N, C-alpha and C. Protein backbone atom coordinates (compact mmCIF):
# COMPACT_ATOMS: atom_id res chain seq x y z
N UNK A 1 74.97 98.47 68.78
CA UNK A 1 74.47 98.65 70.13
C UNK A 1 72.98 98.35 70.16
N UNK A 2 72.50 97.64 71.16
CA UNK A 2 71.07 97.33 71.27
C UNK A 2 70.22 98.59 71.37
N UNK A 3 69.07 98.55 70.71
CA UNK A 3 68.12 99.67 70.76
C UNK A 3 66.77 99.16 71.23
N UNK A 4 66.23 99.81 72.24
CA UNK A 4 64.91 99.47 72.76
C UNK A 4 63.89 100.46 72.24
N UNK A 5 62.88 99.94 71.55
CA UNK A 5 61.75 100.74 71.08
C UNK A 5 60.62 100.50 72.07
N UNK A 6 60.17 101.57 72.71
CA UNK A 6 59.21 101.41 73.80
C UNK A 6 58.33 102.64 73.89
N UNK A 7 57.26 102.51 74.69
CA UNK A 7 56.36 103.62 74.98
C UNK A 7 56.32 103.82 76.48
N UNK A 8 56.54 105.04 76.91
CA UNK A 8 56.57 105.33 78.34
C UNK A 8 55.22 105.13 79.01
N UNK A 9 54.15 105.06 78.25
CA UNK A 9 52.81 104.85 78.81
C UNK A 9 52.47 103.37 78.98
N UNK A 10 53.37 102.49 78.57
CA UNK A 10 53.13 101.04 78.60
C UNK A 10 53.81 100.41 79.82
N UNK A 11 53.04 99.76 80.67
CA UNK A 11 53.57 99.14 81.88
C UNK A 11 54.61 98.08 81.56
N UNK A 12 54.32 97.20 80.61
CA UNK A 12 55.28 96.16 80.24
C UNK A 12 56.56 96.79 79.73
N UNK A 13 56.45 97.83 78.94
CA UNK A 13 57.63 98.52 78.42
C UNK A 13 58.51 99.06 79.56
N UNK A 14 57.88 99.68 80.53
CA UNK A 14 58.63 100.24 81.66
C UNK A 14 59.33 99.14 82.45
N UNK A 15 58.65 98.03 82.66
CA UNK A 15 59.24 96.91 83.41
C UNK A 15 60.42 96.30 82.65
N UNK A 16 60.22 96.04 81.37
CA UNK A 16 61.29 95.45 80.55
C UNK A 16 62.46 96.42 80.44
N UNK A 17 62.17 97.69 80.24
CA UNK A 17 63.23 98.70 80.14
C UNK A 17 64.09 98.71 81.40
N UNK A 18 63.47 98.71 82.57
CA UNK A 18 64.22 98.72 83.83
C UNK A 18 65.12 97.49 83.94
N UNK A 19 64.60 96.33 83.59
CA UNK A 19 65.39 95.10 83.65
C UNK A 19 66.56 95.13 82.66
N UNK A 20 66.30 95.62 81.47
CA UNK A 20 67.37 95.68 80.46
C UNK A 20 68.44 96.70 80.84
N UNK A 21 68.03 97.85 81.36
CA UNK A 21 69.02 98.86 81.75
C UNK A 21 69.91 98.37 82.89
N UNK A 22 69.38 97.49 83.73
CA UNK A 22 70.20 96.91 84.80
C UNK A 22 71.29 96.02 84.22
N UNK A 23 71.00 95.41 83.08
CA UNK A 23 71.97 94.51 82.42
C UNK A 23 72.85 95.24 81.41
N UNK A 24 72.31 96.27 80.76
CA UNK A 24 73.01 96.97 79.69
C UNK A 24 72.77 98.46 79.79
N UNK A 25 73.50 99.14 80.69
CA UNK A 25 73.25 100.56 80.90
C UNK A 25 73.46 101.44 79.66
N UNK A 26 74.21 100.94 78.68
CA UNK A 26 74.48 101.72 77.47
C UNK A 26 73.43 101.52 76.39
N UNK A 27 72.33 100.93 76.74
CA UNK A 27 71.23 100.66 75.82
C UNK A 27 70.73 101.95 75.16
N UNK A 28 70.62 101.93 73.84
CA UNK A 28 69.99 103.06 73.14
C UNK A 28 68.49 102.91 73.29
N UNK A 29 67.79 104.04 73.37
CA UNK A 29 66.34 103.99 73.56
C UNK A 29 65.62 104.87 72.56
N UNK A 30 64.48 104.39 72.12
CA UNK A 30 63.58 105.19 71.28
C UNK A 30 62.20 105.09 71.92
N UNK A 31 61.83 106.14 72.64
CA UNK A 31 60.51 106.22 73.25
C UNK A 31 59.57 106.79 72.19
N UNK A 32 58.89 105.90 71.48
CA UNK A 32 58.13 106.38 70.33
C UNK A 32 56.78 106.99 70.69
N UNK A 33 56.48 107.12 71.98
CA UNK A 33 55.33 107.92 72.36
C UNK A 33 55.70 109.40 72.33
N UNK A 34 57.00 109.68 72.39
CA UNK A 34 57.49 111.06 72.32
C UNK A 34 58.16 111.38 71.00
N UNK A 35 58.77 110.37 70.39
CA UNK A 35 59.51 110.54 69.14
C UNK A 35 59.00 109.49 68.16
N UNK A 36 57.98 109.84 67.36
CA UNK A 36 57.32 108.83 66.50
C UNK A 36 58.28 108.09 65.58
N UNK A 37 57.93 106.84 65.32
CA UNK A 37 58.69 106.00 64.40
C UNK A 37 58.41 106.41 62.97
N UNK A 38 59.41 106.23 62.12
CA UNK A 38 59.22 106.45 60.68
C UNK A 38 58.81 105.15 60.03
N UNK A 39 58.30 105.24 58.82
CA UNK A 39 57.94 104.04 58.07
C UNK A 39 59.19 103.18 57.88
N UNK A 40 60.32 103.80 57.61
CA UNK A 40 61.56 103.03 57.40
C UNK A 40 61.98 102.31 58.68
N UNK A 41 61.85 102.92 59.83
CA UNK A 41 62.17 102.24 61.09
C UNK A 41 61.26 101.03 61.28
N UNK A 42 59.99 101.18 60.97
CA UNK A 42 59.06 100.06 61.11
C UNK A 42 59.40 98.96 60.12
N UNK A 43 59.78 99.31 58.91
CA UNK A 43 60.21 98.29 57.94
C UNK A 43 61.40 97.51 58.49
N UNK A 44 62.35 98.22 59.08
CA UNK A 44 63.52 97.56 59.67
C UNK A 44 63.10 96.60 60.78
N UNK A 45 62.19 97.03 61.62
CA UNK A 45 61.71 96.17 62.71
C UNK A 45 60.98 94.94 62.18
N UNK A 46 60.20 95.11 61.12
CA UNK A 46 59.49 93.97 60.51
C UNK A 46 60.49 92.94 60.02
N UNK A 47 61.51 93.40 59.30
CA UNK A 47 62.54 92.47 58.79
C UNK A 47 63.25 91.77 59.95
N UNK A 48 63.62 92.53 60.97
CA UNK A 48 64.37 91.97 62.10
C UNK A 48 63.54 90.98 62.92
N UNK A 49 62.24 91.22 62.98
CA UNK A 49 61.35 90.33 63.74
C UNK A 49 60.99 89.07 62.96
N UNK A 50 61.21 89.11 61.65
CA UNK A 50 60.87 87.96 60.82
C UNK A 50 59.47 88.04 60.23
N UNK A 51 58.89 89.22 60.22
CA UNK A 51 57.57 89.39 59.60
C UNK A 51 56.60 90.15 60.48
N UNK A 52 55.48 90.47 59.89
CA UNK A 52 54.44 91.25 60.56
C UNK A 52 53.83 90.54 61.76
N UNK A 53 53.50 89.24 61.68
CA UNK A 53 52.74 88.61 62.78
C UNK A 53 53.35 88.79 64.17
N UNK A 54 54.67 88.74 64.28
CA UNK A 54 55.29 88.85 65.61
C UNK A 54 55.15 90.26 66.18
N UNK A 55 55.04 91.27 65.30
CA UNK A 55 54.93 92.66 65.74
C UNK A 55 53.50 93.14 65.89
N UNK A 56 52.57 92.39 65.39
CA UNK A 56 51.17 92.82 65.33
C UNK A 56 50.49 92.74 66.69
N UNK A 57 49.96 93.87 67.14
CA UNK A 57 49.17 93.91 68.37
C UNK A 57 47.75 93.46 68.02
N UNK A 58 47.49 92.20 68.24
CA UNK A 58 46.22 91.61 67.81
C UNK A 58 45.02 92.06 68.64
N UNK A 59 45.27 92.79 69.72
CA UNK A 59 44.15 93.29 70.53
C UNK A 59 43.69 94.68 70.09
N UNK A 60 44.41 95.29 69.18
CA UNK A 60 44.05 96.63 68.72
C UNK A 60 42.79 96.59 67.85
N UNK A 61 41.95 97.60 67.97
CA UNK A 61 40.68 97.66 67.24
C UNK A 61 40.86 97.57 65.73
N UNK A 62 41.86 98.24 65.18
CA UNK A 62 42.09 98.19 63.73
C UNK A 62 42.42 96.76 63.31
N UNK A 63 43.24 96.09 64.09
CA UNK A 63 43.60 94.70 63.79
C UNK A 63 42.36 93.82 63.78
N UNK A 64 41.50 94.01 64.75
CA UNK A 64 40.27 93.22 64.83
C UNK A 64 39.33 93.54 63.68
N UNK A 65 39.14 94.82 63.39
CA UNK A 65 38.22 95.24 62.33
C UNK A 65 38.64 94.69 60.97
N UNK A 66 39.93 94.64 60.74
CA UNK A 66 40.43 94.22 59.42
C UNK A 66 40.75 92.73 59.33
N UNK A 67 40.54 92.01 60.42
CA UNK A 67 40.79 90.57 60.41
C UNK A 67 42.25 90.21 60.31
N UNK A 68 43.11 91.08 60.79
CA UNK A 68 44.55 90.87 60.65
C UNK A 68 45.10 89.77 61.55
N UNK A 69 44.37 89.39 62.58
CA UNK A 69 44.87 88.31 63.44
C UNK A 69 45.00 87.03 62.63
N UNK A 70 44.01 86.74 61.81
CA UNK A 70 44.04 85.53 60.97
C UNK A 70 44.78 85.76 59.66
N UNK A 71 44.70 86.98 59.14
CA UNK A 71 45.31 87.31 57.85
C UNK A 71 46.08 88.62 57.98
N UNK A 72 47.31 88.55 58.53
CA UNK A 72 48.09 89.78 58.72
C UNK A 72 48.33 90.51 57.40
N UNK A 73 48.46 91.83 57.47
CA UNK A 73 48.70 92.60 56.26
C UNK A 73 50.12 92.35 55.74
N UNK A 74 50.35 92.76 54.51
CA UNK A 74 51.70 92.67 53.96
C UNK A 74 52.59 93.68 54.69
N UNK A 75 53.90 93.49 54.66
CA UNK A 75 54.80 94.37 55.41
C UNK A 75 54.65 95.86 55.10
N UNK A 76 54.48 96.19 53.84
CA UNK A 76 54.39 97.61 53.49
C UNK A 76 53.11 98.24 54.04
N UNK A 77 51.99 97.54 53.91
CA UNK A 77 50.73 98.04 54.46
C UNK A 77 50.86 98.23 55.97
N UNK A 78 51.44 97.24 56.64
CA UNK A 78 51.60 97.33 58.08
C UNK A 78 52.52 98.49 58.47
N UNK A 79 53.62 98.66 57.76
CA UNK A 79 54.55 99.74 58.09
C UNK A 79 53.86 101.10 58.00
N UNK A 80 53.10 101.31 56.95
CA UNK A 80 52.40 102.58 56.77
C UNK A 80 51.34 102.77 57.85
N UNK A 81 50.56 101.73 58.11
CA UNK A 81 49.48 101.83 59.12
C UNK A 81 50.04 101.99 60.53
N UNK A 82 51.12 101.28 60.85
CA UNK A 82 51.72 101.39 62.19
C UNK A 82 52.40 102.74 62.38
N UNK A 83 52.84 103.35 61.30
CA UNK A 83 53.41 104.69 61.40
C UNK A 83 52.31 105.68 61.79
N UNK A 84 51.12 105.49 61.23
CA UNK A 84 49.98 106.35 61.56
C UNK A 84 49.41 106.02 62.93
N UNK A 85 49.39 104.72 63.28
CA UNK A 85 48.82 104.26 64.55
C UNK A 85 49.82 103.32 65.23
N UNK A 86 50.78 103.87 65.99
CA UNK A 86 51.84 103.05 66.58
C UNK A 86 51.36 102.00 67.58
N UNK A 87 50.14 102.12 68.06
CA UNK A 87 49.63 101.09 68.97
C UNK A 87 49.33 99.78 68.25
N UNK A 88 49.48 99.76 66.93
CA UNK A 88 49.38 98.50 66.20
C UNK A 88 50.61 97.61 66.45
N UNK A 89 51.68 98.23 66.95
CA UNK A 89 52.90 97.48 67.25
C UNK A 89 52.82 96.85 68.63
N UNK A 90 53.15 95.59 68.69
CA UNK A 90 53.32 94.93 69.98
C UNK A 90 54.62 95.45 70.56
N UNK A 91 54.67 95.67 71.84
CA UNK A 91 55.83 96.33 72.42
C UNK A 91 56.16 95.76 73.79
N UNK A 92 57.37 96.04 74.25
CA UNK A 92 58.50 96.73 73.63
C UNK A 92 59.18 95.85 72.58
N UNK A 93 60.08 96.49 71.84
CA UNK A 93 60.85 95.79 70.80
C UNK A 93 62.32 96.10 71.05
N UNK A 94 63.13 95.05 71.13
CA UNK A 94 64.57 95.22 71.31
C UNK A 94 65.26 94.79 70.02
N UNK A 95 66.01 95.70 69.43
CA UNK A 95 66.72 95.44 68.19
C UNK A 95 68.21 95.32 68.48
N UNK A 96 68.77 94.17 68.13
CA UNK A 96 70.21 93.95 68.25
C UNK A 96 70.69 93.48 66.89
N UNK A 97 71.46 94.31 66.23
CA UNK A 97 71.91 93.98 64.88
C UNK A 97 70.73 93.85 63.96
N UNK A 98 70.58 92.68 63.36
CA UNK A 98 69.47 92.46 62.43
C UNK A 98 68.41 91.53 63.00
N UNK A 99 68.35 91.45 64.35
CA UNK A 99 67.36 90.58 65.00
C UNK A 99 66.58 91.37 66.04
N UNK A 100 65.29 91.09 66.14
CA UNK A 100 64.43 91.78 67.10
C UNK A 100 63.77 90.79 68.05
N UNK A 101 63.63 91.21 69.29
CA UNK A 101 62.88 90.49 70.31
C UNK A 101 61.69 91.38 70.66
N UNK A 102 60.54 90.76 70.88
CA UNK A 102 59.31 91.51 71.09
C UNK A 102 58.67 91.12 72.40
N UNK A 103 58.10 92.12 73.07
CA UNK A 103 57.39 91.96 74.33
C UNK A 103 58.36 91.43 75.40
N UNK A 104 57.96 90.49 76.20
CA UNK A 104 58.81 90.03 77.29
C UNK A 104 59.98 89.16 76.80
N UNK A 105 59.95 88.73 75.53
CA UNK A 105 61.10 87.98 75.00
C UNK A 105 62.34 88.86 74.96
N UNK A 106 62.18 90.19 75.06
CA UNK A 106 63.33 91.10 75.13
C UNK A 106 64.28 90.70 76.26
N UNK A 107 63.70 90.16 77.31
CA UNK A 107 64.49 89.78 78.48
C UNK A 107 65.40 88.57 78.19
N UNK A 108 65.09 87.84 77.12
CA UNK A 108 65.89 86.66 76.74
C UNK A 108 67.00 87.01 75.77
N UNK A 109 67.06 88.25 75.31
CA UNK A 109 68.05 88.65 74.31
C UNK A 109 69.45 88.64 74.92
N UNK A 110 70.44 88.25 74.10
CA UNK A 110 71.82 88.23 74.58
C UNK A 110 72.42 89.65 74.57
N UNK A 111 72.56 90.22 75.75
CA UNK A 111 73.12 91.58 75.84
C UNK A 111 74.58 91.53 76.21
């Protein structure tokens, strides 16, 4: 079953969530502003997205300070850091099986 990882404080997340629920009312949801992600969940999302760059929020201060836009961290470093600071994740993230769609591409996912 598709799972949407989102933050209720994010406008794009709320918009994408509403559109997805109209298409797939049985969508599982993980609002990680209320229920934090684990390192293992983030590892799963990294694998499903095809690597760190697609999930990396390049506008975040930590990303800028560490130069991650040009040189993204390795998956393990990112998983640990994103667990501590979930705003490092670009969002929302839709997980279907072993594939993830990120941001507005969630709307293109086959539901």
